[in-house]
């Protein structure tokens, strides 16, 4: 199935059925996350990166050769979400509306999720640049982390079998990209 079609279907469904604006905030937060990567990339290369859109979100391809610049580009996305979460946390003290709480939780979760040591996430890419141990074992560590996270999500939330199947589909597609 065409990845852009699946992505469009997910976005349309999310926007259509999102009564609490959580999906809209998530979508905007992921765009801001990727914009952080793009700004850092432009800063170091003076070029625009190639961005691929799939059912799982956005992926930026780059050709930065220096590890320190690549690491800074990778960290810029999660740092963007961390700054938004921190700003939302400050706003909660002044005006704790439901929307501000959602901005905080969505951006904090995107930050936490992206710094995990899974190869296709920003944290895994940073570890790959810094650690020879991770370079030798990134597939095993990534699979282990995804399984642990899936079990935790399933255990703590009691999600349905359909969500577990979606996670398996997600894992298989991401590992095919490695």
N, C-alpha and C. Protein backbone atom coordinates (compact mmCIF):
# COMPACT_ATOMS: atom_id res chain seq x y z
N UNK A 1 0.85 -1.18 0.00
CA UNK A 1 0.00 0.00 0.00
C UNK A 1 0.89 1.24 0.00
N UNK A 2 0.48 2.26 -0.66
CA UNK A 2 1.23 3.50 -0.76
C UNK A 2 1.36 4.15 0.62
N UNK A 3 2.60 4.46 1.02
CA UNK A 3 2.83 5.03 2.35
C UNK A 3 2.19 6.40 2.51
N UNK A 4 2.20 7.20 1.46
CA UNK A 4 1.60 8.52 1.55
C UNK A 4 0.08 8.42 1.72
N UNK A 5 -0.53 7.42 1.07
CA UNK A 5 -1.97 7.20 1.24
C UNK A 5 -2.30 6.82 2.68
N UNK A 6 -1.52 5.91 3.26
CA UNK A 6 -1.75 5.48 4.64
C UNK A 6 -1.55 6.67 5.58
N UNK A 7 -0.50 7.46 5.35
CA UNK A 7 -0.26 8.64 6.18
C UNK A 7 -1.43 9.61 6.08
N UNK A 8 -1.92 9.85 4.86
CA UNK A 8 -3.05 10.77 4.66
C UNK A 8 -4.31 10.25 5.34
N UNK A 9 -4.53 8.94 5.27
CA UNK A 9 -5.69 8.34 5.91
C UNK A 9 -5.63 8.49 7.43
N UNK A 10 -4.45 8.27 8.01
CA UNK A 10 -4.27 8.43 9.46
C UNK A 10 -4.50 9.89 9.86
N UNK A 11 -3.91 10.81 9.11
CA UNK A 11 -4.06 12.23 9.44
C UNK A 11 -5.52 12.66 9.31
N UNK A 12 -6.18 12.27 8.22
CA UNK A 12 -7.58 12.64 8.04
C UNK A 12 -8.44 12.07 9.16
N UNK A 13 -8.24 10.80 9.50
CA UNK A 13 -9.01 10.18 10.57
C UNK A 13 -8.76 10.88 11.90
N UNK A 14 -7.49 11.18 12.17
CA UNK A 14 -7.16 11.86 13.41
C UNK A 14 -7.78 13.24 13.51
N UNK A 15 -7.72 13.98 12.41
CA UNK A 15 -8.30 15.33 12.42
C UNK A 15 -9.82 15.30 12.48
N UNK A 16 -10.43 14.33 11.83
CA UNK A 16 -11.88 14.25 11.79
C UNK A 16 -12.48 13.84 13.13
N UNK A 17 -11.84 12.89 13.80
CA UNK A 17 -12.39 12.35 15.04
C UNK A 17 -11.80 12.96 16.31
N UNK A 18 -10.95 13.94 16.17
CA UNK A 18 -10.25 14.53 17.31
C UNK A 18 -11.10 15.62 17.94
N UNK A 19 -11.91 15.25 18.89
CA UNK A 19 -12.78 16.22 19.56
C UNK A 19 -12.04 17.04 20.62
N UNK A 20 -10.97 16.49 21.18
CA UNK A 20 -10.24 17.17 22.25
C UNK A 20 -8.98 17.88 21.76
N UNK A 21 -8.74 17.86 20.47
CA UNK A 21 -7.58 18.50 19.83
C UNK A 21 -6.24 17.86 20.20
N UNK A 22 -6.25 16.67 20.75
CA UNK A 22 -4.99 16.01 21.12
C UNK A 22 -4.19 15.65 19.88
N UNK A 23 -4.86 15.10 18.86
CA UNK A 23 -4.16 14.72 17.64
C UNK A 23 -3.61 15.95 16.93
N UNK A 24 -4.37 17.05 16.93
CA UNK A 24 -3.88 18.27 16.29
C UNK A 24 -2.64 18.80 16.98
N UNK A 25 -2.63 18.75 18.31
CA UNK A 25 -1.46 19.20 19.06
C UNK A 25 -0.28 18.27 18.79
N UNK A 26 -0.55 16.96 18.75
CA UNK A 26 0.51 15.99 18.44
C UNK A 26 1.08 16.25 17.06
N UNK A 27 0.22 16.45 16.07
CA UNK A 27 0.68 16.68 14.70
C UNK A 27 1.52 17.95 14.62
N UNK A 28 1.07 19.02 15.24
CA UNK A 28 1.83 20.26 15.24
C UNK A 28 3.16 20.09 15.98
N UNK A 29 3.16 19.34 17.07
CA UNK A 29 4.39 19.11 17.84
C UNK A 29 5.40 18.30 17.05
N UNK A 30 4.94 17.32 16.27
CA UNK A 30 5.88 16.56 15.44
C UNK A 30 6.43 17.41 14.30
N UNK A 31 5.60 18.29 13.75
CA UNK A 31 6.09 19.20 12.72
C UNK A 31 7.15 20.14 13.32
N UNK A 32 6.90 20.65 14.52
CA UNK A 32 7.89 21.51 15.18
C UNK A 32 9.17 20.74 15.50
N UNK A 33 9.04 19.46 15.88
CA UNK A 33 10.20 18.60 16.14
C UNK A 33 11.06 18.50 14.88
N UNK A 34 10.44 18.18 13.77
CA UNK A 34 11.19 18.05 12.51
C UNK A 34 11.72 19.39 12.04
N UNK A 35 11.00 20.47 12.33
CA UNK A 35 11.48 21.80 11.97
C UNK A 35 12.76 22.12 12.73
N UNK A 36 12.85 21.67 13.99
CA UNK A 36 14.09 21.83 14.75
C UNK A 36 15.25 21.14 14.06
N UNK A 37 15.03 19.92 13.56
CA UNK A 37 16.08 19.22 12.81
C UNK A 37 16.47 20.00 11.55
N UNK A 38 15.45 20.49 10.83
CA UNK A 38 15.70 21.19 9.57
C UNK A 38 16.49 22.48 9.81
N UNK A 39 16.14 23.25 10.85
CA UNK A 39 16.89 24.48 11.15
C UNK A 39 18.35 24.17 11.47
N UNK A 40 18.58 23.14 12.26
CA UNK A 40 19.96 22.77 12.59
C UNK A 40 20.70 22.30 11.33
N UNK A 41 20.04 21.54 10.50
CA UNK A 41 20.65 21.07 9.24
C UNK A 41 21.03 22.25 8.35
N UNK A 42 20.09 23.19 8.23
CA UNK A 42 20.38 24.39 7.41
C UNK A 42 21.53 25.20 7.99
N UNK A 43 21.62 25.26 9.31
CA UNK A 43 22.69 26.00 9.97
C UNK A 43 24.05 25.42 9.62
N UNK A 44 24.16 24.08 9.60
CA UNK A 44 25.46 23.44 9.39
C UNK A 44 25.79 23.17 7.93
N UNK A 45 24.79 23.06 7.05
CA UNK A 45 25.07 22.71 5.66
C UNK A 45 24.67 23.78 4.66
N UNK A 46 23.81 24.70 5.07
CA UNK A 46 23.28 25.74 4.18
C UNK A 46 22.47 25.14 3.03
N UNK A 47 21.92 23.94 3.23
CA UNK A 47 21.06 23.27 2.24
C UNK A 47 19.80 22.77 2.94
N UNK A 48 18.80 22.44 2.15
CA UNK A 48 17.57 21.84 2.69
C UNK A 48 17.70 20.32 2.62
N UNK A 49 17.31 19.62 3.68
CA UNK A 49 17.39 18.15 3.65
C UNK A 49 16.21 17.55 2.89
N UNK A 50 16.36 16.29 2.52
CA UNK A 50 15.26 15.54 1.93
C UNK A 50 14.42 14.97 3.06
N UNK A 51 13.10 15.19 3.01
CA UNK A 51 12.20 14.72 4.06
C UNK A 51 11.21 13.74 3.44
N UNK A 52 11.13 12.55 4.03
CA UNK A 52 10.21 11.51 3.58
C UNK A 52 9.03 11.45 4.53
N UNK A 53 7.82 11.36 3.98
CA UNK A 53 6.61 11.25 4.79
C UNK A 53 6.06 9.84 4.61
N UNK A 54 5.81 9.17 5.74
CA UNK A 54 5.25 7.82 5.68
C UNK A 54 4.14 7.70 6.71
N UNK A 55 3.59 6.50 6.83
CA UNK A 55 2.52 6.27 7.79
C UNK A 55 3.00 6.45 9.22
N UNK A 56 4.31 6.40 9.44
CA UNK A 56 4.87 6.50 10.78
C UNK A 56 5.39 7.88 11.09
N UNK A 57 5.21 8.82 10.18
CA UNK A 57 5.64 10.18 10.46
C UNK A 57 6.62 10.68 9.42
N UNK A 58 7.49 11.55 9.84
CA UNK A 58 8.46 12.19 8.96
C UNK A 58 9.83 11.59 9.22
N UNK A 59 10.65 11.54 8.18
CA UNK A 59 12.03 11.11 8.35
C UNK A 59 12.89 12.02 7.48
N UNK A 60 13.93 12.58 8.10
CA UNK A 60 14.81 13.50 7.39
C UNK A 60 16.09 12.77 7.03
N UNK A 61 16.46 12.83 5.77
CA UNK A 61 17.71 12.24 5.32
C UNK A 61 18.72 13.37 5.19
N UNK A 62 19.94 13.10 5.62
CA UNK A 62 20.96 14.14 5.49
C UNK A 62 22.29 13.50 5.14
N UNK A 63 23.22 14.34 4.74
CA UNK A 63 24.55 13.87 4.36
C UNK A 63 25.63 14.63 5.14
N UNK A 64 25.39 14.86 6.41
CA UNK A 64 26.36 15.54 7.25
C UNK A 64 27.45 14.53 7.61
N UNK A 65 28.69 14.90 7.36
CA UNK A 65 29.79 13.96 7.56
C UNK A 65 30.40 14.05 8.95
N UNK A 66 30.39 15.21 9.58
CA UNK A 66 30.96 15.37 10.91
C UNK A 66 30.00 14.85 11.96
N UNK A 67 30.47 13.96 12.82
CA UNK A 67 29.60 13.39 13.85
C UNK A 67 29.06 14.45 14.80
N UNK A 68 29.90 15.45 15.16
CA UNK A 68 29.41 16.44 16.13
C UNK A 68 28.28 17.27 15.53
N UNK A 69 28.33 17.60 14.25
CA UNK A 69 27.22 18.32 13.62
C UNK A 69 26.00 17.41 13.51
N UNK A 70 26.22 16.16 13.16
CA UNK A 70 25.12 15.21 13.03
C UNK A 70 24.42 15.02 14.38
N UNK A 71 25.20 14.93 15.44
CA UNK A 71 24.63 14.79 16.79
C UNK A 71 23.83 16.02 17.16
N UNK A 72 24.34 17.20 16.86
CA UNK A 72 23.59 18.43 17.15
C UNK A 72 22.30 18.50 16.35
N UNK A 73 22.33 18.05 15.10
CA UNK A 73 21.12 18.01 14.28
C UNK A 73 20.11 17.05 14.89
N UNK A 74 20.59 15.88 15.31
CA UNK A 74 19.70 14.88 15.91
C UNK A 74 19.08 15.38 17.21
N UNK A 75 19.85 16.07 18.03
CA UNK A 75 19.36 16.52 19.33
C UNK A 75 18.41 17.71 19.23
N UNK A 76 18.48 18.44 18.13
CA UNK A 76 17.67 19.65 18.00
C UNK A 76 16.17 19.36 18.01
N UNK A 77 15.75 18.21 17.47
CA UNK A 77 14.33 17.85 17.47
C UNK A 77 13.80 17.63 18.88
N UNK A 78 14.43 16.70 19.66
CA UNK A 78 13.96 16.51 21.03
C UNK A 78 14.09 17.75 21.90
N UNK A 79 15.12 18.55 21.68
CA UNK A 79 15.28 19.78 22.46
C UNK A 79 14.12 20.73 22.18
N UNK A 80 13.67 20.77 20.94
CA UNK A 80 12.51 21.61 20.60
C UNK A 80 11.28 21.18 21.41
N UNK A 81 11.03 19.86 21.46
CA UNK A 81 9.89 19.37 22.25
C UNK A 81 10.08 19.63 23.74
N UNK A 82 11.30 19.52 24.22
CA UNK A 82 11.57 19.79 25.63
C UNK A 82 11.30 21.25 25.97
N UNK A 83 11.70 22.16 25.08
CA UNK A 83 11.46 23.60 25.31
C UNK A 83 9.96 23.89 25.31
N UNK A 84 9.23 23.30 24.38
CA UNK A 84 7.78 23.51 24.34
C UNK A 84 7.14 22.96 25.62
N UNK A 85 7.58 21.77 26.07
CA UNK A 85 7.03 21.18 27.30
C UNK A 85 7.35 22.06 28.50
N UNK A 86 8.57 22.59 28.56
CA UNK A 86 8.95 23.46 29.68
C UNK A 86 8.12 24.74 29.68
N UNK A 87 7.92 25.31 28.50
CA UNK A 87 7.10 26.52 28.40
C UNK A 87 5.66 26.22 28.82
N UNK A 88 5.13 25.06 28.40
CA UNK A 88 3.76 24.68 28.80
C UNK A 88 3.68 24.47 30.30
N UNK A 89 4.73 23.90 30.90
CA UNK A 89 4.74 23.69 32.35
C UNK A 89 4.72 25.03 33.09
N UNK A 90 5.42 26.01 32.57
CA UNK A 90 5.38 27.35 33.16
C UNK A 90 3.98 27.94 33.03
N UNK A 91 3.37 27.74 31.86
CA UNK A 91 2.01 28.26 31.65
C UNK A 91 0.98 27.58 32.54
N UNK A 92 1.22 26.32 32.89
CA UNK A 92 0.29 25.60 33.76
C UNK A 92 0.17 26.31 35.11
N UNK A 93 1.26 26.88 35.58
CA UNK A 93 1.23 27.60 36.86
C UNK A 93 0.38 28.87 36.78
N UNK A 94 0.29 29.47 35.58
CA UNK A 94 -0.49 30.69 35.44
C UNK A 94 -1.92 30.42 34.99
N UNK A 95 -2.06 29.52 34.03
CA UNK A 95 -3.39 29.23 33.49
C UNK A 95 -3.42 27.76 33.10
N UNK A 96 -3.81 26.92 34.04
CA UNK A 96 -3.78 25.49 33.83
C UNK A 96 -4.99 24.96 33.09
N UNK A 97 -5.14 25.31 31.83
CA UNK A 97 -6.26 24.81 31.04
C UNK A 97 -5.94 23.40 30.53
N UNK A 98 -6.96 22.72 30.08
CA UNK A 98 -6.79 21.38 29.53
C UNK A 98 -5.84 21.39 28.34
N UNK A 99 -5.96 22.39 27.49
CA UNK A 99 -5.11 22.47 26.30
C UNK A 99 -3.64 22.64 26.67
N UNK A 100 -3.36 23.44 27.67
CA UNK A 100 -1.96 23.63 28.10
C UNK A 100 -1.41 22.33 28.67
N UNK A 101 -2.21 21.60 29.43
CA UNK A 101 -1.78 20.30 29.95
C UNK A 101 -1.48 19.34 28.79
N UNK A 102 -2.32 19.34 27.78
CA UNK A 102 -2.10 18.46 26.62
C UNK A 102 -0.81 18.85 25.90
N UNK A 103 -0.57 20.17 25.73
CA UNK A 103 0.68 20.61 25.12
C UNK A 103 1.88 20.09 25.91
N UNK A 104 1.80 20.17 27.24
CA UNK A 104 2.90 19.68 28.07
C UNK A 104 3.10 18.18 27.88
N UNK A 105 2.05 17.40 28.08
CA UNK A 105 2.19 15.95 28.03
C UNK A 105 2.58 15.44 26.65
N UNK A 106 2.00 15.99 25.61
CA UNK A 106 2.34 15.54 24.25
C UNK A 106 3.81 15.82 23.96
N UNK A 107 4.28 17.02 24.24
CA UNK A 107 5.67 17.36 23.94
C UNK A 107 6.65 16.64 24.84
N UNK A 108 6.29 16.45 26.10
CA UNK A 108 7.16 15.70 27.01
C UNK A 108 7.27 14.24 26.56
N UNK A 109 6.15 13.65 26.15
CA UNK A 109 6.19 12.25 25.68
C UNK A 109 6.96 12.12 24.37
N UNK A 110 6.82 13.08 23.47
CA UNK A 110 7.60 13.04 22.23
C UNK A 110 9.09 13.15 22.56
N UNK A 111 9.45 14.03 23.50
CA UNK A 111 10.84 14.17 23.93
C UNK A 111 11.36 12.85 24.50
N UNK A 112 10.64 12.27 25.45
CA UNK A 112 11.07 11.01 26.08
C UNK A 112 11.17 9.90 25.04
N UNK A 113 10.16 9.78 24.20
CA UNK A 113 10.15 8.73 23.19
C UNK A 113 11.34 8.86 22.25
N UNK A 114 11.67 10.07 21.84
CA UNK A 114 12.74 10.27 20.86
C UNK A 114 14.14 10.11 21.42
N UNK A 115 14.33 10.20 22.73
CA UNK A 115 15.67 10.00 23.27
C UNK A 115 15.92 8.56 23.69
N UNK A 116 14.96 7.66 23.46
CA UNK A 116 15.17 6.25 23.76
C UNK A 116 16.27 5.67 22.87
N UNK A 117 17.01 4.68 23.37
CA UNK A 117 18.11 4.10 22.58
C UNK A 117 17.63 3.08 21.54
N UNK A 118 16.69 3.48 20.73
CA UNK A 118 16.21 2.66 19.62
C UNK A 118 16.80 3.25 18.36
N UNK A 119 17.37 2.41 17.50
CA UNK A 119 18.19 2.89 16.39
C UNK A 119 17.51 3.92 15.51
N UNK A 120 16.24 3.73 15.18
CA UNK A 120 15.59 4.64 14.24
C UNK A 120 15.08 5.91 14.91
N UNK A 121 15.27 6.05 16.21
CA UNK A 121 14.91 7.29 16.90
C UNK A 121 16.16 8.15 17.09
N UNK A 122 15.96 9.39 17.49
CA UNK A 122 17.09 10.32 17.63
C UNK A 122 18.10 9.84 18.68
N UNK A 123 17.62 9.34 19.80
CA UNK A 123 18.52 8.85 20.85
C UNK A 123 19.37 7.69 20.38
N UNK A 124 18.80 6.78 19.62
CA UNK A 124 19.56 5.67 19.08
C UNK A 124 20.59 6.12 18.07
N UNK A 125 20.25 7.12 17.26
CA UNK A 125 21.21 7.64 16.29
C UNK A 125 22.40 8.33 16.99
N UNK A 126 22.10 9.05 18.07
CA UNK A 126 23.17 9.70 18.84
C UNK A 126 24.08 8.64 19.46
N UNK A 127 23.47 7.62 20.06
CA UNK A 127 24.27 6.54 20.64
C UNK A 127 25.09 5.82 19.58
N UNK A 128 24.55 5.66 18.39
CA UNK A 128 25.28 5.02 17.30
C UNK A 128 26.53 5.82 16.94
N UNK A 129 26.41 7.14 16.99
CA UNK A 129 27.58 8.00 16.69
C UNK A 129 28.62 7.96 17.81
N UNK A 130 28.18 7.78 19.06
CA UNK A 130 29.07 7.91 20.20
C UNK A 130 29.63 6.59 20.73
N UNK A 131 28.92 5.49 20.57
CA UNK A 131 29.28 4.26 21.27
C UNK A 131 29.59 3.11 20.31
N UNK A 132 30.82 2.60 20.33
CA UNK A 132 31.15 1.41 19.52
C UNK A 132 30.35 0.18 19.97
N UNK A 133 30.04 0.08 21.27
CA UNK A 133 29.22 -1.04 21.75
C UNK A 133 27.84 -1.00 21.12
N UNK A 134 27.25 0.18 21.07
CA UNK A 134 25.93 0.32 20.46
C UNK A 134 26.00 0.04 18.96
N UNK A 135 27.07 0.47 18.29
CA UNK A 135 27.22 0.21 16.86
C UNK A 135 27.22 -1.29 16.57
N UNK A 136 27.85 -2.09 17.44
CA UNK A 136 27.90 -3.54 17.25
C UNK A 136 26.57 -4.22 17.58
N UNK A 137 25.79 -3.64 18.49
CA UNK A 137 24.60 -4.31 19.02
C UNK A 137 23.30 -3.53 18.84
N UNK A 138 23.26 -2.59 17.91
CA UNK A 138 22.09 -1.71 17.83
C UNK A 138 20.80 -2.44 17.49
N UNK A 139 20.85 -3.49 16.69
CA UNK A 139 19.63 -4.21 16.34
C UNK A 139 19.06 -4.92 17.57
N UNK A 140 19.92 -5.59 18.32
CA UNK A 140 19.47 -6.31 19.52
C UNK A 140 18.93 -5.34 20.57
N UNK A 141 19.66 -4.25 20.79
CA UNK A 141 19.22 -3.26 21.78
C UNK A 141 17.90 -2.62 21.35
N UNK A 142 17.77 -2.31 20.06
CA UNK A 142 16.54 -1.69 19.56
C UNK A 142 15.34 -2.62 19.71
N UNK A 143 15.51 -3.88 19.33
CA UNK A 143 14.42 -4.84 19.47
C UNK A 143 14.05 -5.01 20.94
N UNK A 144 15.05 -5.13 21.80
CA UNK A 144 14.80 -5.27 23.23
C UNK A 144 14.01 -4.09 23.77
N UNK A 145 14.42 -2.88 23.42
CA UNK A 145 13.73 -1.68 23.91
C UNK A 145 12.29 -1.62 23.39
N UNK A 146 12.08 -1.92 22.12
CA UNK A 146 10.73 -1.88 21.56
C UNK A 146 9.84 -2.92 22.22
N UNK A 147 10.37 -4.12 22.46
CA UNK A 147 9.58 -5.16 23.13
C UNK A 147 9.23 -4.72 24.55
N UNK A 148 10.22 -4.18 25.29
CA UNK A 148 9.98 -3.73 26.66
C UNK A 148 8.94 -2.62 26.69
N UNK A 149 9.05 -1.67 25.80
CA UNK A 149 8.09 -0.57 25.76
C UNK A 149 6.71 -1.08 25.39
N UNK A 150 6.63 -2.00 24.43
CA UNK A 150 5.34 -2.56 24.03
C UNK A 150 4.69 -3.30 25.18
N UNK A 151 5.46 -4.09 25.91
CA UNK A 151 4.92 -4.83 27.07
C UNK A 151 4.45 -3.85 28.14
N UNK A 152 5.23 -2.80 28.38
CA UNK A 152 4.83 -1.80 29.39
C UNK A 152 3.53 -1.10 28.98
N UNK A 153 3.45 -0.69 27.72
CA UNK A 153 2.24 -0.01 27.25
C UNK A 153 1.05 -0.96 27.36
N UNK A 154 1.24 -2.21 26.95
CA UNK A 154 0.15 -3.18 27.02
C UNK A 154 -0.25 -3.45 28.47
N UNK A 155 0.73 -3.59 29.35
CA UNK A 155 0.46 -3.91 30.75
C UNK A 155 -0.22 -2.76 31.49
N UNK A 156 0.27 -1.54 31.28
CA UNK A 156 -0.24 -0.41 32.04
C UNK A 156 -1.55 0.15 31.51
N UNK A 157 -1.80 -0.03 30.22
CA UNK A 157 -2.99 0.56 29.65
C UNK A 157 -4.05 -0.46 29.28
N UNK A 158 -3.68 -1.72 29.17
CA UNK A 158 -4.63 -2.74 28.78
C UNK A 158 -5.13 -2.54 27.36
N UNK A 159 -4.24 -2.12 26.48
CA UNK A 159 -4.64 -1.87 25.10
C UNK A 159 -5.09 -3.17 24.44
N UNK A 160 -5.78 -3.03 23.36
CA UNK A 160 -6.37 -4.17 22.69
C UNK A 160 -5.35 -4.90 21.81
N UNK A 161 -5.78 -6.03 21.29
CA UNK A 161 -4.95 -6.83 20.40
C UNK A 161 -4.64 -6.06 19.12
N UNK A 162 -5.56 -5.23 18.66
CA UNK A 162 -5.31 -4.46 17.44
C UNK A 162 -4.14 -3.50 17.61
N UNK A 163 -4.01 -2.92 18.80
CA UNK A 163 -2.88 -2.03 19.04
C UNK A 163 -1.58 -2.83 19.08
N UNK A 164 -1.61 -4.01 19.68
CA UNK A 164 -0.41 -4.87 19.72
C UNK A 164 -0.01 -5.26 18.30
N UNK A 165 -0.97 -5.57 17.45
CA UNK A 165 -0.66 -5.90 16.05
C UNK A 165 -0.10 -4.69 15.32
N UNK A 166 -0.63 -3.51 15.62
CA UNK A 166 -0.08 -2.30 15.01
C UNK A 166 1.38 -2.09 15.43
N UNK A 167 1.69 -2.34 16.71
CA UNK A 167 3.07 -2.21 17.17
C UNK A 167 3.99 -3.19 16.46
N UNK A 168 3.53 -4.42 16.27
CA UNK A 168 4.34 -5.40 15.55
C UNK A 168 4.57 -4.94 14.11
N UNK A 169 3.51 -4.44 13.46
CA UNK A 169 3.63 -3.92 12.10
C UNK A 169 4.62 -2.75 12.06
N UNK A 170 4.54 -1.86 13.05
CA UNK A 170 5.45 -0.72 13.16
C UNK A 170 6.89 -1.20 13.31
N UNK A 171 7.14 -2.17 14.19
CA UNK A 171 8.48 -2.68 14.43
C UNK A 171 9.05 -3.29 13.16
N UNK A 172 8.26 -4.10 12.47
CA UNK A 172 8.74 -4.76 11.25
C UNK A 172 9.09 -3.73 10.19
N UNK A 173 8.25 -2.70 10.00
CA UNK A 173 8.54 -1.68 9.00
C UNK A 173 9.77 -0.85 9.36
N UNK A 174 9.92 -0.51 10.61
CA UNK A 174 11.08 0.27 11.02
C UNK A 174 12.36 -0.54 10.88
N UNK A 175 12.34 -1.80 11.26
CA UNK A 175 13.54 -2.62 11.15
C UNK A 175 13.89 -2.91 9.68
N UNK A 176 12.90 -2.88 8.80
CA UNK A 176 13.18 -3.02 7.37
C UNK A 176 13.94 -1.81 6.83
N UNK A 177 13.74 -0.64 7.47
CA UNK A 177 14.45 0.57 7.05
C UNK A 177 15.90 0.58 7.51
N UNK A 178 16.25 -0.25 8.48
CA UNK A 178 17.62 -0.27 9.02
C UNK A 178 18.57 -0.87 8.04
